[in-house]
Amino acid sequence: MSLPRYSFVRETFPQRIINYQNSEAKFIFNFIRKHLHTADEFIIETKNIYFTCTSCQRELLMLQDYATGLGKKVEIIIHGDENIEGGIDLFKIIKK
């Protein structure tokens, strides 16, 4: 897959884009490719059981920084269970 106009995505997520398994990387890639050029302000609202997933938060913050660099505003709202503080709590919820 050739991504000449999306070098930010390719440089930021080189393995993940090739494997295309990470849902956040998939979302961000598709958002940049299909939506970022359509407006100047966006609100991304998501519900995630694992609120404290730092890699997910980092990738969304990178999207926010990228959009800011282009003069666009991206507000990200994450709804999650703040009681889940780590993997052990998460697996307890999932196994129910």
Protein backbone atom coordinates (compact mmCIF):
# COMPACT_ATOMS: atom_id res chain seq x y z
CA MET A 1 0.00 0.00 0.00
CA SER A 2 1.52 3.29 -1.06
CA LEU A 3 0.87 6.25 1.24
CA PRO A 4 2.79 9.20 -0.21
CA ARG A 5 0.49 11.92 1.18
CA TYR A 6 0.20 10.29 4.59
CA SER A 7 3.84 10.06 5.62
CA PHE A 8 2.93 11.12 9.18
CA VAL A 9 0.85 7.97 9.58
CA ARG A 10 3.49 5.77 7.97
CA GLU A 11 6.27 7.23 10.14
CA THR A 12 4.21 7.09 13.33
CA PHE A 13 2.71 3.64 12.91
CA PRO A 14 5.04 1.80 10.49
CA GLN A 15 4.41 -1.73 11.80
CA ARG A 16 0.80 -1.19 12.69
CA ILE A 17 -0.15 0.09 9.24
CA ILE A 18 1.56 -2.88 7.63
CA ASN A 19 -0.16 -5.33 9.97
CA TYR A 20 -3.33 -3.21 10.15
CA GLN A 21 -4.39 -4.94 13.38
CA ASN A 22 -4.45 -2.05 15.86
CA SER A 23 -7.96 -0.57 16.02
CA GLU A 24 -6.76 2.89 17.08
CA ALA A 25 -4.19 3.04 14.28
CA LYS A 26 -6.88 1.89 11.83
CA PHE A 27 -9.28 4.56 13.06
CA ILE A 28 -6.64 7.31 12.93
CA PHE A 29 -5.44 6.28 9.48
CA ASN A 30 -8.98 6.26 8.09
CA PHE A 31 -9.82 9.53 9.85
CA ILE A 32 -6.80 11.28 8.34
CA ARG A 33 -7.43 9.79 4.92
CA LYS A 34 -11.19 10.27 4.67
CA HIS A 35 -12.26 13.03 7.05
CA LEU A 36 -9.51 15.40 8.16
CA HIS A 37 -9.69 17.42 4.94
CA THR A 38 -13.47 17.93 5.21
CA ALA A 39 -13.60 20.46 8.09
CA ASP A 40 -11.53 22.51 10.51
CA GLU A 41 -13.05 21.27 13.78
CA PHE A 42 -13.89 17.74 14.90
CA ILE A 43 -15.25 16.06 18.02
CA ILE A 44 -14.32 12.41 18.38
CA GLU A 45 -16.33 10.68 21.08
CA THR A 46 -15.68 7.06 21.96
CA LYS A 47 -16.64 4.55 24.61
CA ASN A 48 -13.93 2.23 25.82
CA ILE A 49 -14.17 -0.12 28.79
CA TYR A 50 -10.46 0.34 29.51
CA PHE A 51 -10.21 4.09 30.07
CA THR A 52 -6.58 4.01 31.20
CA CYS A 53 -5.12 2.39 28.05
CA THR A 54 -2.08 4.65 27.69
CA SER A 55 -1.14 3.50 24.19
CA CYS A 56 -4.63 4.33 22.94
CA GLN A 57 -4.53 7.74 24.60
CA ARG A 58 -1.05 8.42 23.21
CA GLU A 59 -2.13 7.63 19.65
CA LEU A 60 -5.19 9.87 19.90
CA LEU A 61 -3.07 12.68 21.36
CA MET A 62 -0.69 12.28 18.42
CA LEU A 63 -3.66 12.69 16.08
CA GLN A 64 -4.67 15.81 17.99
CA ASP A 65 -1.13 17.23 17.69
CA TYR A 66 -1.00 16.44 13.97
CA ALA A 67 -4.34 18.16 13.35
CA THR A 68 -3.24 21.20 15.38
CA GLY A 69 -0.16 21.43 13.19
CA LEU A 70 -2.48 21.65 10.18
CA GLY A 71 -4.50 24.42 11.83
CA LYS A 72 -7.40 22.13 12.72
CA LYS A 73 -9.04 21.45 16.07
CA VAL A 74 -9.78 17.93 17.27
CA GLU A 75 -11.52 17.39 20.59
CA ILE A 76 -11.39 13.83 21.89
CA ILE A 77 -13.88 12.58 24.48
CA ILE A 78 -13.36 9.11 25.93
CA HIS A 79 -16.04 7.49 28.06
CA GLY A 80 -14.65 4.62 30.09
CA ASP A 81 -14.79 2.79 33.37
CA GLU A 82 -12.44 4.73 35.64
CA ASN A 83 -12.54 1.90 38.18
CA ILE A 84 -10.44 -0.29 35.90
CA GLU A 85 -6.89 0.64 36.83
CA GLY A 86 -4.97 -2.12 35.11
CA GLY A 87 -5.03 -5.40 33.28
CA ILE A 88 -6.17 -7.44 36.30
CA ASP A 89 -9.30 -5.30 36.73
CA LEU A 90 -9.95 -5.42 32.99
CA PHE A 91 -9.74 -9.20 32.81
CA LYS A 92 -12.11 -9.53 35.77
CA ILE A 93 -14.71 -7.46 33.90
CA ILE A 94 -14.20 -9.31 30.60
CA LYS A 95 -14.55 -12.76 32.22
CA LYS A 96 -17.96 -11.88 33.73
